[in-house]
Protein backbone atom coordinates (compact mmCIF):
# COMPACT_ATOMS: atom_id res chain seq x y z
CA MET A 1 81.33 109.66 96.67
CA ARG A 2 83.73 109.83 99.61
CA GLU A 3 84.00 112.96 101.73
CA VAL A 4 87.04 114.08 103.68
CA VAL A 5 86.31 117.00 106.02
CA SER A 6 87.66 118.72 109.10
CA ASP A 7 85.72 120.66 111.72
CA ARG A 8 86.92 123.96 110.22
CA ALA A 9 86.27 123.11 106.57
CA THR A 10 84.40 125.77 104.64
CA ILE A 11 85.69 125.49 101.04
CA VAL A 12 84.39 122.56 98.98
CA VAL A 13 86.84 120.90 96.59
CA ALA A 14 85.24 118.39 94.22
CA CYS A 15 87.60 115.93 92.51
CA LEU A 16 86.34 114.21 89.35
CA GLY A 17 88.22 111.28 87.86
CA SER A 18 88.71 107.52 87.73
CA SER A 19 90.56 105.05 89.98
CA SER A 20 93.63 107.24 90.34
CA THR A 21 91.34 109.86 91.85
CA ALA A 22 89.33 107.37 93.91
CA GLY A 23 92.61 106.29 95.52
CA GLN A 24 91.21 103.09 96.95
CA GLY A 25 93.09 99.88 97.71
CA GLN A 26 96.65 99.87 96.45
CA ALA A 27 96.27 103.11 94.46
CA PHE A 28 97.80 106.11 96.26
CA GLY A 29 95.14 108.33 97.82
CA TRP A 30 96.33 111.82 96.91
CA ILE A 31 93.06 113.34 98.13
CA ASP A 32 93.51 111.68 101.52
CA GLU A 33 97.07 112.99 101.58
CA LEU A 34 95.86 116.54 100.97
CA SER A 35 93.15 116.25 103.59
CA ARG A 36 95.71 115.34 106.28
CA ARG A 37 97.76 118.48 105.76
CA PRO A 38 97.15 121.13 108.44
CA GLN A 39 97.12 123.96 105.88
CA ASN A 40 94.11 122.32 104.21
CA ALA A 41 91.84 122.36 107.26
CA ARG A 42 89.66 124.93 105.53
CA PHE A 43 88.82 122.51 102.70
CA VAL A 44 86.26 119.72 102.53
CA PHE A 45 87.24 117.27 99.80
CA LYS A 46 84.56 115.49 97.79
CA ASN A 47 86.07 112.44 96.11
CA LEU A 48 84.10 111.67 92.94
CA GLY A 49 86.60 109.21 91.49
CA VAL A 50 85.12 106.01 90.02
CA GLY A 51 87.31 103.14 88.88
CA GLY A 52 87.24 102.35 85.18
CA ASP A 53 85.66 105.63 84.10
CA PHE A 54 86.37 107.11 80.70
CA ALA A 55 85.91 110.81 80.03
CA TYR A 56 82.42 109.97 78.78
CA ASP A 57 81.50 108.39 82.14
CA ALA A 58 82.90 111.37 84.03
CA LEU A 59 80.64 113.60 81.92
CA GLN A 60 77.62 111.62 83.09
CA ARG A 61 78.61 112.34 86.69
CA VAL A 62 78.81 116.13 86.32
CA PRO A 63 75.44 116.44 88.14
CA ALA A 64 77.03 114.76 91.17
CA VAL A 65 79.82 117.34 91.07
CA VAL A 66 77.33 120.19 90.79
CA ALA A 67 75.34 118.79 93.71
CA THR A 68 78.33 119.31 96.03
CA SER A 69 78.12 123.10 95.46
CA PRO A 70 81.88 123.20 94.87
CA ASP A 71 84.17 126.18 95.25
CA ARG A 72 87.06 124.39 93.52
CA ILE A 73 86.99 121.48 91.04
CA VAL A 74 89.87 119.23 90.00
CA VAL A 75 89.35 117.16 86.83
CA LEU A 76 91.67 114.25 85.99
CA VAL A 77 90.23 112.13 83.17
CA GLY A 78 91.50 110.28 80.11
CA ALA A 79 93.80 107.48 81.31
CA ASN A 80 91.23 104.74 80.71
CA ASP A 81 90.46 106.18 77.27
CA VAL A 82 94.17 105.80 76.47
CA LEU A 83 94.42 102.27 77.89
CA ALA A 84 91.37 101.14 75.94
CA MET A 85 92.81 102.56 72.70
CA VAL A 86 96.03 100.58 73.18
CA PHE A 87 94.86 97.32 74.79
CA PRO A 88 91.75 95.62 73.31
CA ASN A 89 91.10 93.67 76.53
CA VAL A 90 90.70 96.94 78.43
CA GLN A 91 88.13 98.12 75.92
CA ARG A 92 86.26 94.81 76.06
CA LEU A 93 86.04 94.76 79.86
CA LEU A 94 85.76 98.44 80.77
CA GLY A 95 84.20 100.05 77.71
CA GLY A 96 82.10 97.08 76.71
CA PHE A 97 81.10 94.88 79.65
CA MET A 98 81.34 97.32 82.58
CA LYS A 99 80.44 100.70 81.12
CA ARG A 100 78.31 99.61 78.15
CA HIS A 101 79.63 102.28 75.82
CA SER A 102 77.94 102.58 72.45
CA GLN A 103 81.13 103.51 70.61
CA GLN A 104 84.81 102.73 70.53
CA PRO A 105 87.27 104.99 72.38
CA SER A 106 89.07 107.58 70.28
CA PHE A 107 90.94 110.82 70.67
CA GLU A 108 88.07 112.71 69.08
CA TRP A 109 85.55 111.22 71.52
CA PHE A 110 87.77 112.10 74.47
CA LYS A 111 88.17 115.66 73.22
CA GLU A 112 84.42 116.00 72.75
CA ASN A 113 83.66 114.71 76.25
CA LEU A 114 86.32 116.87 77.87
CA ALA A 115 84.88 119.97 76.22
CA ALA A 116 81.41 119.01 77.42
CA ILE A 117 82.64 118.49 80.98
CA ILE A 118 84.24 121.93 81.02
CA ALA A 119 81.21 123.62 79.47
CA ARG A 120 78.80 122.11 81.97
CA LEU A 121 80.97 122.80 85.00
CA ARG A 122 81.40 126.40 83.92
CA ALA A 123 77.68 126.82 83.23
CA GLU A 124 76.34 125.01 86.30
CA THR A 125 78.83 126.05 88.99
CA ARG A 126 80.77 129.12 90.03
CA ALA A 127 83.76 127.01 90.98
CA ARG A 128 87.33 127.64 90.03
CA ILE A 129 88.25 124.69 87.80
CA ALA A 130 91.61 123.00 87.33
CA LEU A 131 92.27 120.48 84.56
CA SER A 132 95.09 118.03 85.22
CA SER A 133 97.08 116.46 82.43
CA LEU A 134 97.69 112.71 82.53
CA GLY A 135 100.55 110.99 84.26
CA PRO A 136 102.65 108.74 82.01
CA ILE A 137 101.50 105.13 81.84
CA GLY A 138 104.50 102.83 82.12
CA GLU A 139 107.96 104.15 82.87
CA SER A 140 109.97 103.76 79.66
CA PRO A 141 109.93 106.99 77.62
CA ASP A 142 112.34 105.61 75.01
CA SER A 143 110.86 102.12 74.77
CA THR A 144 110.90 100.27 71.47
CA ASP A 145 107.91 98.17 72.51
CA PRO A 146 104.97 99.12 70.26
CA GLY A 147 102.44 99.14 73.12
CA GLN A 148 104.54 101.40 75.33
CA ARG A 149 105.35 103.68 72.39
CA ARG A 150 101.64 104.01 71.66
CA LEU A 151 100.93 104.75 75.32
CA ASN A 152 103.63 107.41 75.36
CA ASP A 153 102.30 109.04 72.20
CA LEU A 154 98.68 109.06 73.33
CA VAL A 155 99.36 110.29 76.87
CA ALA A 156 101.40 113.15 75.38
CA LYS A 157 98.65 113.94 72.85
CA PHE A 158 95.85 113.82 75.42
CA SER A 159 97.83 115.95 77.86
CA ALA A 160 98.57 118.57 75.22
CA THR A 161 94.85 118.72 74.47
CA ILE A 162 94.01 119.12 78.16
CA LYS A 163 96.51 121.96 78.46
CA GLN A 164 95.09 123.61 75.34
CA ALA A 165 91.53 123.24 76.67
CA ALA A 166 92.53 124.89 79.95
CA ALA A 167 93.97 127.86 78.08
CA GLN A 168 91.01 128.09 75.73
CA HIS A 169 88.37 127.98 78.46
CA GLY A 170 90.23 130.01 81.07
CA THR A 171 90.61 127.26 83.67
CA ASP A 172 93.63 126.46 85.79
CA TYR A 173 96.03 123.79 84.54
CA ILE A 174 97.82 121.16 86.63
CA PRO A 175 101.01 120.08 84.78
CA PHE A 176 101.11 116.52 86.05
CA TYR A 177 102.28 115.10 82.72
CA GLU A 178 105.21 117.48 82.49
CA ARG A 179 106.33 116.97 86.08
CA LEU A 180 106.07 113.18 86.26
CA SER A 181 107.56 112.79 82.77
CA ALA A 182 110.63 114.72 83.90
CA GLU A 183 110.97 112.52 86.99
CA ILE A 184 110.64 109.35 84.94
CA ALA A 185 113.16 110.60 82.38
CA ALA A 186 115.65 111.10 85.22
CA SER A 187 114.89 107.66 86.67
CA PRO A 188 113.35 105.49 83.94
CA GLY A 189 111.93 102.07 84.60
CA LYS A 190 110.33 99.29 82.67
CA ALA A 191 107.80 99.39 79.86
CA LEU A 192 104.13 98.49 80.19
CA THR A 193 103.95 96.00 77.33
CA THR A 194 100.63 94.33 78.20
CA PHE A 195 97.69 95.04 80.46
CA ARG A 196 96.31 92.14 82.48
CA PHE A 197 93.58 92.42 85.07
CA LEU A 198 94.53 89.31 87.07
CA PRO A 199 97.77 90.81 88.48
CA ILE A 200 95.82 93.89 89.58
CA TYR A 201 93.42 91.66 91.48
CA GLY A 202 96.48 89.94 92.93
CA ASP A 203 97.80 93.30 94.07
CA THR A 204 94.45 93.99 95.73
CA PHE A 205 94.75 90.68 97.59
CA ARG A 206 98.27 91.56 98.73
CA TYR A 207 97.06 94.97 99.92
CA PHE A 208 93.93 93.96 101.81
CA VAL A 209 94.77 90.41 102.94
CA LEU A 210 98.56 90.28 103.19
CA ARG A 211 98.69 93.89 104.43
CA LYS A 212 101.40 94.93 102.00
CA THR A 213 101.74 98.65 101.37
CA SER A 214 101.31 100.17 97.94
CA ASP A 215 105.02 100.93 97.83
CA GLU A 216 105.93 97.35 98.73
CA ILE A 217 103.63 96.05 96.02
CA GLY A 218 105.02 98.50 93.46
CA ALA A 219 108.60 97.58 94.33
CA ALA A 220 107.79 93.87 94.03
CA ASN A 221 106.27 94.58 90.62
CA GLY A 222 109.38 96.50 89.54
CA TRP A 223 107.96 100.02 89.30
CA ASN A 224 109.49 103.28 90.46
CA PHE A 225 106.48 105.62 90.42
CA HIS A 226 103.57 103.21 90.03
CA VAL A 227 102.07 100.19 91.72
CA ASP A 228 101.31 98.43 88.44
CA GLY A 229 102.37 100.77 85.65
CA VAL A 230 99.05 102.64 85.77
CA HIS A 231 98.15 103.50 89.38
CA LEU A 232 100.47 105.69 91.40
CA ASN A 233 102.56 104.67 94.38
CA THR A 234 103.58 107.18 97.05
CA ARG A 235 106.47 108.55 95.00
CA GLY A 236 104.29 109.27 91.98
CA GLY A 237 101.23 110.24 93.99
CA MET A 238 103.07 112.83 96.05
CA ILE A 239 103.99 114.64 92.84
CA LEU A 240 100.32 114.93 91.92
CA ALA A 241 99.38 115.93 95.47
CA GLY A 242 101.99 118.68 95.42
CA LEU A 243 100.67 120.08 92.16
CA VAL A 244 97.08 120.06 93.39
CA GLN A 245 98.31 121.75 96.56
CA ASP A 246 99.72 124.55 94.40
CA PHE A 247 96.25 125.00 92.90
CA LEU A 248 94.63 125.08 96.34
CA ASP A 249 97.17 127.63 97.59
CA SER A 250 96.83 129.94 94.61
């Protein structure tokens, strides 16, 4: 867990998610962005993002969230569930080898884990909770590619479920899917037709060794809002940061 705190911080904001929340390497650090804003000096941000996590893995880390004694909680989970449902290599590496899941990813499993996360956070903390919908994966909303079409359908389905869960359980809702989808529709890009880990490792090399920025890497890869079709660049990340800021200000 990474902590971002100022001398005047008194309100604990715990952020639960995967690599897009962790914001390490070439992925845009939206939590770091929020922590630098003068109006957020009263907040201490607890970054509980872990790369590769599914909703199930985030559920296992609820005790770590509770241990921070949070006043606010932001939950952004589900993107890896979607990726693993579309690309078998993601499931083999993340769900199988890395996370050792005992079952295959599915919409029903995601929905079950999301409900459990909400129930435990509500029962074990007094925090105000915000559920964020998922950002689109890939940037081609009208793609004819079967992989991108499946991604589009699942991200929309998962996000609708997140929004419904927020309404059902009385939590706040962060409309990241709606906002980024509108931006992508106005400025569409290419489809994410395959998912390969080697180029991501190459991006990490370019970031840490060649000292390229996330935006330079994303532009070289041909993305408008992402670094690699999955992780956000500054343009996409600032949209999420702005929406979380609205939650913090409310």
